[in-house]
Each structure stands twice: as C-alpha cells, then as structure tokens.
Amino acid sequence: MVSDGEMSKPGFSNYIIERYTGFGGSPVSGTPTDMLEFPNVRKRWSASHADTRAHRLLECVGPIGLRDEGALADDADKLKAALAGVDVAEAFIPAVTSGQI
C-alpha cells in the first residue's frame, strides 16, 4: 500500500494552516522530537523543509473553511504521476486527525 505520506508536506500542523482557514497558533522552532534518533532522516527533512522549520501549536481561531479546492486534486495528480507504471495494490493520501489539530 503506497501513500504520498506526511513527508511530502511540511508537517500536518503547518499543512492545516496552508489548507484551511480558522486556525492560528504560535510558531515553535526546532526538529520534531520523533526525528532526533535518526540524524540522516533529520538532515534530509531539514534540507527539504528549510522554509517551514517552524511548526505551529494550533488553535481554532474562527470558522473552519477550505482555502484552495484545487490543492487536494493537485496532491492526487502528483501521486498518480508517481505511481504511473508501478504495480501497487492500493494507494492513498493521508489526512491529519482532529486529535492532532
């Protein structure tokens, strides 16, 4: 089973800020703690997310709404392109859970 994964996004907390209205929060700099034990992953992640190293502690600050209806379609198109010519049983796009927000 293949997923485009959270690693293609700047972390789900920042992803929510980019995709939905109604959320705000204070930026918190640093490396996600689950990467501290994996310096090679941390190095690759930091290089690919240099402009989004600050993560946010989110809170609901207003009505929640979709910012860009085409963004999900773009994600799906990218995943389909990546899977072109590859034999997989299933593929999916992950979503943030309400508990994480």
PDB file of N, CA and C in Angstrom:
ATOM      1  N   MET A   1       0.856  -1.162   0.000  1.00  0.00           N
ATOM      2  CA  MET A   1       0.000   0.000   0.000  1.00  0.00           C
ATOM      3  C   MET A   1       0.907   1.232   0.000  1.00  0.00           C
ATOM      4  N   VAL A   2       0.660   2.148  -0.908  1.00  0.00           N
ATOM      5  CA  VAL A   2       1.510   3.317  -1.081  1.00  0.00           C
ATOM      6  C   VAL A   2       0.757   4.580  -0.677  1.00  0.00           C
ATOM      7  N   SER A   3       1.492   5.495  -0.062  1.00  0.00           N
ATOM      8  CA  SER A   3       0.925   6.772   0.358  1.00  0.00           C
ATOM      9  C   SER A   3       1.860   7.892  -0.083  1.00  0.00           C
ATOM     10  N   ASP A   4       1.316   9.080  -0.333  1.00  0.00           N
ATOM     11  CA  ASP A   4       2.208  10.204  -0.616  1.00  0.00           C
ATOM     12  C   ASP A   4       2.852  10.686   0.674  1.00  0.00           C
ATOM     13  N   GLY A   5       2.342  10.274   1.794  1.00  0.00           N
ATOM     14  CA  GLY A   5       2.982  10.461   3.088  1.00  0.00           C
ATOM     15  C   GLY A   5       3.003  11.866   3.626  1.00  0.00           C
ATOM     16  N   GLU A   6       3.237  11.948   4.905  1.00  0.00           N
ATOM     17  CA  GLU A   6       3.353  13.252   5.554  1.00  0.00           C
ATOM     18  C   GLU A   6       4.655  13.926   5.160  1.00  0.00           C
ATOM     19  N   MET A   7       5.680  13.153   4.771  1.00  0.00           N
ATOM     20  CA  MET A   7       6.976  13.746   4.463  1.00  0.00           C
ATOM     21  C   MET A   7       6.918  14.652   3.237  1.00  0.00           C
ATOM     22  N   SER A   8       5.888  14.516   2.410  1.00  0.00           N
ATOM     23  CA  SER A   8       5.760  15.420   1.263  1.00  0.00           C
ATOM     24  C   SER A   8       5.148  16.745   1.672  1.00  0.00           C
ATOM     25  N   LYS A   9       4.797  16.858   2.926  1.00  0.00           N
ATOM     26  CA  LYS A   9       4.177  18.067   3.451  1.00  0.00           C
ATOM     27  C   LYS A   9       5.068  18.633   4.568  1.00  0.00           C
ATOM     28  N   PRO A  10       4.909  19.896   4.888  1.00  0.00           N
ATOM     29  CA  PRO A  10       5.748  20.487   5.930  1.00  0.00           C
ATOM     30  C   PRO A  10       5.264  20.150   7.341  1.00  0.00           C
ATOM     31  N   GLY A  11       4.769  18.950   7.553  1.00  0.00           N
ATOM     32  CA  GLY A  11       4.188  18.565   8.832  1.00  0.00           C
ATOM     33  C   GLY A  11       2.714  18.905   8.820  1.00  0.00           C
ATOM     34  N   PHE A  12       1.905  18.051   9.386  1.00  0.00           N
ATOM     35  CA  PHE A  12       0.462  18.253   9.289  1.00  0.00           C
ATOM     36  C   PHE A  12      -0.021  19.536   9.962  1.00  0.00           C
ATOM     37  N   SER A  13       0.660  19.983  11.001  1.00  0.00           N
ATOM     38  CA  SER A  13       0.218  21.224  11.640  1.00  0.00           C
ATOM     39  C   SER A  13       0.376  22.405  10.691  1.00  0.00           C
ATOM     40  N   ASN A  14       1.507  22.517  10.029  1.00  0.00           N
ATOM     41  CA  ASN A  14       1.683  23.588   9.049  1.00  0.00           C
ATOM     42  C   ASN A  14       0.778  23.364   7.849  1.00  0.00           C
ATOM     43  N   TYR A  15       0.577  22.131   7.486  1.00  0.00           N
ATOM     44  CA  TYR A  15      -0.273  21.774   6.354  1.00  0.00           C
ATOM     45  C   TYR A  15      -1.703  22.279   6.574  1.00  0.00           C
ATOM     46  N   ILE A  16      -2.198  22.150   7.777  1.00  0.00           N
ATOM     47  CA  ILE A  16      -3.543  22.615   8.093  1.00  0.00           C
ATOM     48  C   ILE A  16      -3.645  24.125   7.909  1.00  0.00           C
ATOM     49  N   ILE A  17      -2.633  24.861   8.349  1.00  0.00           N
ATOM     50  CA  ILE A  17      -2.616  26.318   8.184  1.00  0.00           C
ATOM     51  C   ILE A  17      -2.676  26.685   6.697  1.00  0.00           C
ATOM     52  N   GLU A  18      -1.968  25.916   5.862  1.00  0.00           N
ATOM     53  CA  GLU A  18      -1.945  26.197   4.425  1.00  0.00           C
ATOM     54  C   GLU A  18      -3.262  25.843   3.742  1.00  0.00           C
ATOM     55  N   ARG A  19      -3.949  24.821   4.221  1.00  0.00           N
ATOM     56  CA  ARG A  19      -5.127  24.304   3.527  1.00  0.00           C
ATOM     57  C   ARG A  19      -6.458  24.823   4.049  1.00  0.00           C
ATOM     58  N   TYR A  20      -6.530  25.225   5.311  1.00  0.00           N
ATOM     59  CA  TYR A  20      -7.813  25.616   5.909  1.00  0.00           C
ATOM     60  C   TYR A  20      -7.724  26.967   6.597  1.00  0.00           C
ATOM     61  N   THR A  21      -8.825  27.680   6.576  1.00  0.00           N
ATOM     62  CA  THR A  21      -8.948  28.890   7.378  1.00  0.00           C
ATOM     63  C   THR A  21      -9.453  28.480   8.761  1.00  0.00           C
ATOM     64  N   GLY A  22      -9.360  29.394   9.712  1.00  0.00           N
ATOM     65  CA  GLY A  22      -9.913  29.142  11.032  1.00  0.00           C
ATOM     66  C   GLY A  22      -8.918  28.650  12.058  1.00  0.00           C
ATOM     67  N   PHE A  23      -7.654  28.472  11.641  1.00  0.00           N
ATOM     68  CA  PHE A  23      -6.638  28.012  12.584  1.00  0.00           C
ATOM     69  C   PHE A  23      -5.534  29.047  12.700  1.00  0.00           C
ATOM     70  N   GLY A  24      -4.975  29.154  13.869  1.00  0.00           N
ATOM     71  CA  GLY A  24      -3.839  30.030  14.116  1.00  0.00           C
ATOM     72  C   GLY A  24      -2.986  29.384  15.177  1.00  0.00           C
ATOM     73  N   GLY A  25      -1.912  30.028  15.506  1.00  0.00           N
ATOM     74  CA  GLY A  25      -1.070  29.461  16.544  1.00  0.00           C
ATOM     75  C   GLY A  25       0.291  30.106  16.554  1.00  0.00           C
ATOM     76  N   SER A  26       1.049  29.764  17.550  1.00  0.00           N
ATOM     77  CA  SER A  26       2.386  30.304  17.715  1.00  0.00           C
ATOM     78  C   SER A  26       3.417  29.379  17.094  1.00  0.00           C
ATOM     79  N   PRO A  27       4.363  29.934  16.318  1.00  0.00           N
ATOM     80  CA  PRO A  27       5.412  29.093  15.755  1.00  0.00           C
ATOM     81  C   PRO A  27       6.356  28.588  16.841  1.00  0.00           C
ATOM     82  N   VAL A  28       6.812  27.369  16.657  1.00  0.00           N
ATOM     83  CA  VAL A  28       7.768  26.752  17.570  1.00  0.00           C
ATOM     84  C   VAL A  28       8.894  26.199  16.711  1.00  0.00           C
ATOM     85  N   SER A  29      10.107  26.687  16.900  1.00  0.00           N
ATOM     86  CA  SER A  29      11.234  26.235  16.087  1.00  0.00           C
ATOM     87  C   SER A  29      11.816  24.947  16.651  1.00  0.00           C
ATOM     88  N   GLY A  30      12.510  24.240  15.781  1.00  0.00           N
ATOM     89  CA  GLY A  30      13.213  23.048  16.218  1.00  0.00           C
ATOM     90  C   GLY A  30      12.848  21.835  15.400  1.00  0.00           C
ATOM     91  N   THR A  31      13.519  20.754  15.693  1.00  0.00           N
ATOM     92  CA  THR A  31      13.303  19.499  14.995  1.00  0.00           C
ATOM     93  C   THR A  31      12.216  18.708  15.692  1.00  0.00           C
ATOM     94  N   PRO A  32      11.309  18.102  14.931  1.00  0.00           N
ATOM     95  CA  PRO A  32      10.322  17.228  15.559  1.00  0.00           C
ATOM     96  C   PRO A  32      11.037  16.153  16.389  1.00  0.00           C
ATOM     97  N   THR A  33      10.580  15.928  17.596  1.00  0.00           N
ATOM     98  CA  THR A  33      11.286  15.031  18.512  1.00  0.00           C
ATOM     99  C   THR A  33      11.376  13.603  18.007  1.00  0.00           C
ATOM    100  N   ASP A  34      10.424  13.175  17.156  1.00  0.00           N
ATOM    101  CA  ASP A  34      10.500  11.798  16.674  1.00  0.00           C
ATOM    102  C   ASP A  34      11.630  11.597  15.672  1.00  0.00           C
ATOM    103  N   MET A  35      12.300  12.666  15.251  1.00  0.00           N
ATOM    104  CA  MET A  35      13.423  12.535  14.320  1.00  0.00           C
ATOM    105  C   MET A  35      14.782  12.620  15.003  1.00  0.00           C
ATOM    106  N   LEU A  36      14.820  12.953  16.257  1.00  0.00           N
ATOM    107  CA  LEU A  36      16.087  13.155  16.941  1.00  0.00           C
ATOM    108  C   LEU A  36      16.977  11.915  16.917  1.00  0.00           C
ATOM    109  N   GLU A  37      16.374  10.734  16.958  1.00  0.00           N
ATOM    110  CA  GLU A  37      17.150   9.494  16.967  1.00  0.00           C
ATOM    111  C   GLU A  37      17.617   9.073  15.575  1.00  0.00           C
ATOM    112  N   PHE A  38      17.191   9.800  14.544  1.00  0.00           N
ATOM    113  CA  PHE A  38      17.504   9.423  13.169  1.00  0.00           C
ATOM    114  C   PHE A  38      18.146  10.603  12.447  1.00  0.00           C
ATOM    115  N   PRO A  39      19.439  10.848  12.685  1.00  0.00           N
ATOM    116  CA  PRO A  39      20.084  12.044  12.147  1.00  0.00           C
ATOM    117  C   PRO A  39      20.070  12.129  10.618  1.00  0.00           C
ATOM    118  N   ASN A  40      20.138  11.005   9.914  1.00  0.00           N
ATOM    119  CA  ASN A  40      20.116  11.065   8.447  1.00  0.00           C
ATOM    120  C   ASN A  40      18.750  11.510   7.932  1.00  0.00           C
ATOM    121  N   VAL A  41      17.699  11.002   8.541  1.00  0.00           N
ATOM    122  CA  VAL A  41      16.344  11.424   8.165  1.00  0.00           C
ATOM    123  C   VAL A  41      16.162  12.898   8.513  1.00  0.00           C
ATOM    124  N   ARG A  42      16.629  13.271   9.692  1.00  0.00           N
ATOM    125  CA  ARG A  42      16.520  14.668  10.133  1.00  0.00           C
ATOM    126  C   ARG A  42      17.226  15.598   9.150  1.00  0.00           C
ATOM    127  N   LYS A  43      18.414  15.209   8.697  1.00  0.00           N
ATOM    128  CA  LYS A  43      19.184  16.039   7.765  1.00  0.00           C
ATOM    129  C   LYS A  43      18.447  16.199   6.435  1.00  0.00           C
ATOM    130  N   ARG A  44      17.917  15.093   5.897  1.00  0.00           N
ATOM    131  CA  ARG A  44      17.172  15.164   4.631  1.00  0.00           C
ATOM    132  C   ARG A  44      15.899  15.986   4.792  1.00  0.00           C
ATOM    133  N   TRP A  45      15.190  15.778   5.893  1.00  0.00           N
ATOM    134  CA  TRP A  45      13.949  16.510   6.135  1.00  0.00           C
ATOM    135  C   TRP A  45      14.232  18.000   6.263  1.00  0.00           C
ATOM    136  N   SER A  46      15.255  18.363   7.029  1.00  0.00           N
ATOM    137  CA  SER A  46      15.583  19.772   7.236  1.00  0.00           C
ATOM    138  C   SER A  46      15.939  20.447   5.921  1.00  0.00           C
ATOM    139  N   ALA A  47      16.649  19.730   5.059  1.00  0.00           N
ATOM    140  CA  ALA A  47      17.033  20.304   3.761  1.00  0.00           C
ATOM    141  C   ALA A  47      15.813  20.534   2.875  1.00  0.00           C
ATOM    142  N   SER A  48      14.861  19.620   2.916  1.00  0.00           N
ATOM    143  CA  SER A  48      13.700  19.754   2.041  1.00  0.00           C
ATOM    144  C   SER A  48      12.610  20.651   2.620  1.00  0.00           C
ATOM    145  N   HIS A  49      12.707  20.983   3.894  1.00  0.00           N
ATOM    146  CA  HIS A  49      11.698  21.820   4.536  1.00  0.00           C
ATOM    147  C   HIS A  49      12.340  23.049   5.180  1.00  0.00           C
ATOM    148  N   ALA A  50      13.365  23.576   4.546  1.00  0.00           N
ATOM    149  CA  ALA A  50      14.111  24.695   5.135  1.00  0.00           C
ATOM    150  C   ALA A  50      13.237  25.901   5.414  1.00  0.00           C
ATOM    151  N   ASP A  51      12.249  26.127   4.575  1.00  0.00           N
ATOM    152  CA  ASP A  51      11.404  27.304   4.760  1.00  0.00           C
ATOM    153  C   ASP A  51      10.236  27.062   5.705  1.00  0.00           C
ATOM    154  N   THR A  52      10.108  25.861   6.234  1.00  0.00           N
ATOM    155  CA  THR A  52       8.966  25.567   7.106  1.00  0.00           C
ATOM    156  C   THR A  52       9.424  24.901   8.404  1.00  0.00           C
ATOM    157  N   ARG A  53      10.601  25.234   8.883  1.00  0.00           N
ATOM    158  CA  ARG A  53      11.111  24.600  10.098  1.00  0.00           C
ATOM    159  C   ARG A  53      10.322  24.959  11.340  1.00  0.00           C
ATOM    160  N   ALA A  54       9.682  26.090  11.333  1.00  0.00           N
ATOM    161  CA  ALA A  54       8.867  26.460  12.488  1.00  0.00           C
ATOM    162  C   ALA A  54       7.530  25.742  12.384  1.00  0.00           C
ATOM    163  N   HIS A  55       7.219  24.966  13.380  1.00  0.00           N
ATOM    164  CA  HIS A  55       5.933  24.275  13.436  1.00  0.00           C
ATOM    165  C   HIS A  55       5.009  25.110  14.298  1.00  0.00           C
ATOM    166  N   ARG A  56       3.759  24.825  14.228  1.00  0.00           N
ATOM    167  CA  ARG A  56       2.804  25.646  14.947  1.00  0.00           C
ATOM    168  C   ARG A  56       2.066  24.834  16.012  1.00  0.00           C
ATOM    169  N   LEU A  57       1.817  25.504  17.111  1.00  0.00           N
ATOM    170  CA  LEU A  57       0.906  24.963  18.108  1.00  0.00           C
ATOM    171  C   LEU A  57      -0.450  25.563  17.753  1.00  0.00           C
ATOM    172  N   LEU A  58      -1.315  24.751  17.163  1.00  0.00           N
ATOM    173  CA  LEU A  58      -2.547  25.262  16.583  1.00  0.00           C
ATOM    174  C   LEU A  58      -3.671  25.428  17.591  1.00  0.00           C
ATOM    175  N   GLU A  59      -4.526  26.361  17.252  1.00  0.00           N
ATOM    176  CA  GLU A  59      -5.772  26.530  17.967  1.00  0.00           C
ATOM    177  C   GLU A  59      -6.801  27.037  16.977  1.00  0.00           C
ATOM    178  N   CYS A  60      -8.040  26.747  17.250  1.00  0.00           N
ATOM    179  CA  CYS A  60      -9.117  27.219  16.392  1.00  0.00           C
ATOM    180  C   CYS A  60      -9.365  28.686  16.735  1.00  0.00           C
ATOM    181  N   VAL A  61      -9.273  29.542  15.710  1.00  0.00           N
ATOM    182  CA  VAL A  61      -9.435  30.978  15.928  1.00  0.00           C
ATOM    183  C   VAL A  61     -10.626  31.552  15.167  1.00  0.00           C
ATOM    184  N   GLY A  62     -11.358  30.704  14.463  1.00  0.00           N
ATOM    185  CA  GLY A  62     -12.505  31.174  13.702  1.00  0.00           C
ATOM    186  C   GLY A  62     -13.145  30.039  12.947  1.00  0.00           C
ATOM    187  N   PRO A  63     -14.138  30.349  12.126  1.00  0.00           N
ATOM    188  CA  PRO A  63     -14.803  29.305  11.336  1.00  0.00           C
ATOM    189  C   PRO A  63     -13.804  28.577  10.431  1.00  0.00           C
ATOM    190  N   ILE A  64     -13.944  27.269  10.331  1.00  0.00           N
ATOM    191  CA  ILE A  64     -13.042  26.453   9.522  1.00  0.00           C
ATOM    192  C   ILE A  64     -13.578  26.371   8.103  1.00  0.00           C
ATOM    193  N   GLY A  65     -12.714  26.645   7.154  1.00  0.00           N
ATOM    194  CA  GLY A  65     -13.098  26.585   5.749  1.00  0.00           C
ATOM    195  C   GLY A  65     -11.921  26.181   4.878  1.00  0.00           C
ATOM    196  N   LEU A  66     -12.210  25.667   3.723  1.00  0.00           N
ATOM    197  CA  LEU A  66     -11.191  25.239   2.769  1.00  0.00           C
ATOM    198  C   LEU A  66     -10.602  26.454   2.065  1.00  0.00           C
ATOM    199  N   ARG A  67      -9.272  26.561   2.021  1.00  0.00           N
ATOM    200  CA  ARG A  67      -8.610  27.678   1.342  1.00  0.00           C
ATOM    201  C   ARG A  67      -8.559  27.480  -0.168  1.00  0.00           C
ATOM    202  N   ASP A  68      -8.227  26.271  -0.614  1.00  0.00           N
ATOM    203  CA  ASP A  68      -7.977  26.033  -2.035  1.00  0.00           C
ATOM    204  C   ASP A  68      -8.553  24.683  -2.422  1.00  0.00           C
ATOM    205  N   GLU A  69      -9.649  24.699  -3.149  1.00  0.00           N
ATOM    206  CA  GLU A  69     -10.300  23.451  -3.538  1.00  0.00           C
ATOM    207  C   GLU A  69      -9.449  22.620  -4.485  1.00  0.00           C
ATOM    208  N   GLY A  70      -8.522  23.238  -5.203  1.00  0.00           N
ATOM    209  CA  GLY A  70      -7.691  22.513  -6.152  1.00  0.00           C
ATOM    210  C   GLY A  70      -6.485  21.835  -5.534  1.00  0.00           C
ATOM    211  N   ALA A  71      -6.149  22.153  -4.290  1.00  0.00           N
ATOM    212  CA  ALA A  71      -4.938  21.611  -3.668  1.00  0.00           C
ATOM    213  C   ALA A  71      -4.996  20.091  -3.526  1.00  0.00           C
ATOM    214  N   LEU A  72      -6.131  19.548  -3.126  1.00  0.00           N
ATOM    215  CA  LEU A  72      -6.254  18.100  -2.993  1.00  0.00           C
ATOM    216  C   LEU A  72      -6.139  17.424  -4.359  1.00  0.00           C
ATOM    217  N   ALA A  73      -6.754  18.025  -5.364  1.00  0.00           N
ATOM    218  CA  ALA A  73      -6.645  17.478  -6.720  1.00  0.00           C
ATOM    219  C   ALA A  73      -5.182  17.481  -7.182  1.00  0.00           C
ATOM    220  N   ASP A  74      -4.442  18.525  -6.839  1.00  0.00           N
ATOM    221  CA  ASP A  74      -3.018  18.579  -7.181  1.00  0.00           C
ATOM    222  C   ASP A  74      -2.251  17.454  -6.499  1.00  0.00           C
ATOM    223  N   ASP A  75      -2.545  17.223  -5.209  1.00  0.00           N
ATOM    224  CA  ASP A  75      -1.900  16.120  -4.487  1.00  0.00           C
ATOM    225  C   ASP A  75      -2.209  14.784  -5.162  1.00  0.00           C
ATOM    226  N   ALA A  76      -3.461  14.579  -5.520  1.00  0.00           N
ATOM    227  CA  ALA A  76      -3.874  13.324  -6.168  1.00  0.00           C
ATOM    228  C   ALA A  76      -3.179  13.165  -7.515  1.00  0.00           C
ATOM    229  N   ASP A  77      -3.075  14.234  -8.278  1.00  0.00           N
ATOM    230  CA  ASP A  77      -2.390  14.164  -9.577  1.00  0.00           C
ATOM    231  C   ASP A  77      -0.918  13.798  -9.407  1.00  0.00           C
ATOM    232  N   LYS A  78      -0.267  14.371  -8.413  1.00  0.00           N
ATOM    233  CA  LYS A  78       1.145  14.063  -8.150  1.00  0.00           C
ATOM    234  C   LYS A  78       1.315  12.596  -7.760  1.00  0.00           C
ATOM    235  N   LEU A  79       0.413  12.097  -6.912  1.00  0.00           N
ATOM    236  CA  LEU A  79       0.505  10.694  -6.501  1.00  0.00           C
ATOM    237  C   LEU A  79       0.272   9.777  -7.693  1.00  0.00           C
ATOM    238  N   LYS A  80      -0.722  10.090  -8.520  1.00  0.00           N
ATOM    239  CA  LYS A  80      -0.989   9.282  -9.714  1.00  0.00           C
ATOM    240  C   LYS A  80       0.211   9.285 -10.649  1.00  0.00           C
ATOM    241  N   ALA A  81       0.853  10.426 -10.821  1.00  0.00           N
ATOM    242  CA  ALA A  81       2.036  10.512 -11.684  1.00  0.00           C
ATOM    243  C   ALA A  81       3.189   9.676 -11.129  1.00  0.00           C
ATOM    244  N   ALA A  82       3.352   9.706  -9.813  1.00  0.00           N
ATOM    245  CA  ALA A  82       4.418   8.922  -9.181  1.00  0.00           C
ATOM    246  C   ALA A  82       4.174   7.426  -9.325  1.00  0.00           C
ATOM    247  N   LEU A  83       2.908   7.038  -9.396  1.00  0.00           N
ATOM    248  CA  LEU A  83       2.558   5.621  -9.489  1.00  0.00           C
ATOM    249  C   LEU A  83       2.440   5.119 -10.934  1.00  0.00           C
ATOM    250  N   ALA A  84       2.574   6.020 -11.891  1.00  0.00           N
ATOM    251  CA  ALA A  84       2.447   5.616 -13.298  1.00  0.00           C
ATOM    252  C   ALA A  84       3.451   4.513 -13.622  1.00  0.00           C
ATOM    253  N   GLY A  85       2.944   3.418 -14.126  1.00  0.00           N
ATOM    254  CA  GLY A  85       3.798   2.299 -14.495  1.00  0.00           C
ATOM    255  C   GLY A  85       4.237   1.425 -13.342  1.00  0.00           C
ATOM    256  N   VAL A  86       3.725   1.700 -12.148  1.00  0.00           N
ATOM    257  CA  VAL A  86       4.083   0.922 -10.959  1.00  0.00           C
ATOM    258  C   VAL A  86       2.877   0.084 -10.560  1.00  0.00           C
ATOM    259  N   ASP A  87       3.119  -1.178 -10.257  1.00  0.00           N
ATOM    260  CA  ASP A  87       2.034  -2.078  -9.868  1.00  0.00           C
ATOM    261  C   ASP A  87       1.884  -2.067  -8.345  1.00  0.00           C
ATOM    262  N   VAL A  88       0.809  -1.442  -7.860  1.00  0.00           N
ATOM    263  CA  VAL A  88       0.536  -1.415  -6.420  1.00  0.00           C
ATOM    264  C   VAL A  88      -0.892  -1.879  -6.179  1.00  0.00           C
ATOM    265  N   ALA A  89      -1.127  -2.474  -5.017  1.00  0.00           N
ATOM    266  CA  ALA A  89      -2.472  -2.944  -4.673  1.00  0.00           C
ATOM    267  C   ALA A  89      -3.398  -1.776  -4.347  1.00  0.00           C
ATOM    268  N   GLU A  90      -2.875  -0.808  -3.579  1.00  0.00           N
ATOM    269  CA  GLU A  90      -3.673   0.343  -3.170  1.00  0.00           C
ATOM    270  C   GLU A  90      -2.756   1.537  -2.968  1.00  0.00           C
ATOM    271  N   ALA A  91      -3.348   2.724  -3.033  1.00  0.00           N
ATOM    272  CA  ALA A  91      -2.624   3.955  -2.744  1.00  0.00           C
ATOM    273  C   ALA A  91      -3.588   4.914  -2.051  1.00  0.00           C
ATOM    274  N   PHE A  92      -3.057   5.787  -1.211  1.00  0.00           N
ATOM    275  CA  PHE A  92      -3.915   6.726  -0.505  1.00  0.00           C
ATOM    276  C   PHE A  92      -3.164   8.008  -0.160  1.00  0.00           C
ATOM    277  N   ILE A  93      -3.932   9.031   0.145  1.00  0.00           N
ATOM    278  CA  ILE A  93      -3.389  10.301   0.621  1.00  0.00           C
ATOM    279  C   ILE A  93      -3.790  10.414   2.088  1.00  0.00           C
ATOM    280  N   PRO A  94      -2.817  10.546   2.999  1.00  0.00           N
ATOM    281  CA  PRO A  94      -3.156  10.625   4.416  1.00  0.00           C
ATOM    282  C   PRO A  94      -3.793  11.962   4.765  1.00  0.00           C
ATOM    283  N   ALA A  95      -4.504  11.975   5.858  1.00  0.00           N
ATOM    284  CA  ALA A  95      -5.127  13.200   6.346  1.00  0.00           C
ATOM    285  C   ALA A  95      -4.821  13.365   7.835  1.00  0.00           C
ATOM    286  N   VAL A  96      -4.731  14.576   8.253  1.00  0.00           N
ATOM    287  CA  VAL A  96      -4.493  14.879   9.657  1.00  0.00           C
ATOM    288  C   VAL A  96      -5.751  14.514  10.453  1.00  0.00           C
ATOM    289  N   THR A  97      -5.554  14.043  11.661  1.00  0.00           N
ATOM    290  CA  THR A  97      -6.701  13.718  12.507  1.00  0.00           C
ATOM    291  C   THR A  97      -7.071  14.926  13.352  1.00  0.00           C
ATOM    292  N   SER A  98      -8.296  14.971  13.750  1.00  0.00           N
ATOM    293  CA  SER A  98      -8.743  16.100  14.571  1.00  0.00           C
ATOM    294  C   SER A  98      -7.991  16.147  15.902  1.00  0.00           C
ATOM    295  N   GLY A  99      -7.563  15.010  16.390  1.00  0.00           N
ATOM    296  CA  GLY A  99      -6.804  14.980  17.646  1.00  0.00           C
ATOM    297  C   GLY A  99      -5.460  15.658  17.539  1.00  0.00           C
ATOM    298  N   GLN A 100      -4.846  15.635  16.366  1.00  0.00           N
ATOM    299  CA  GLN A 100      -3.564  16.303  16.182  1.00  0.00           C
ATOM    300  C   GLN A 100      -3.733  17.807  16.118  1.00  0.00           C
ATOM    301  N   ILE A 101      -4.847  18.253  15.583  1.00  0.00           N
ATOM    302  CA  ILE A 101      -5.088  19.683  15.500  1.00  0.00           C
ATOM    303  C   ILE A 101      -5.440  20.195  16.879  1.00  0.00           C
TER     304      ILE A 101
END
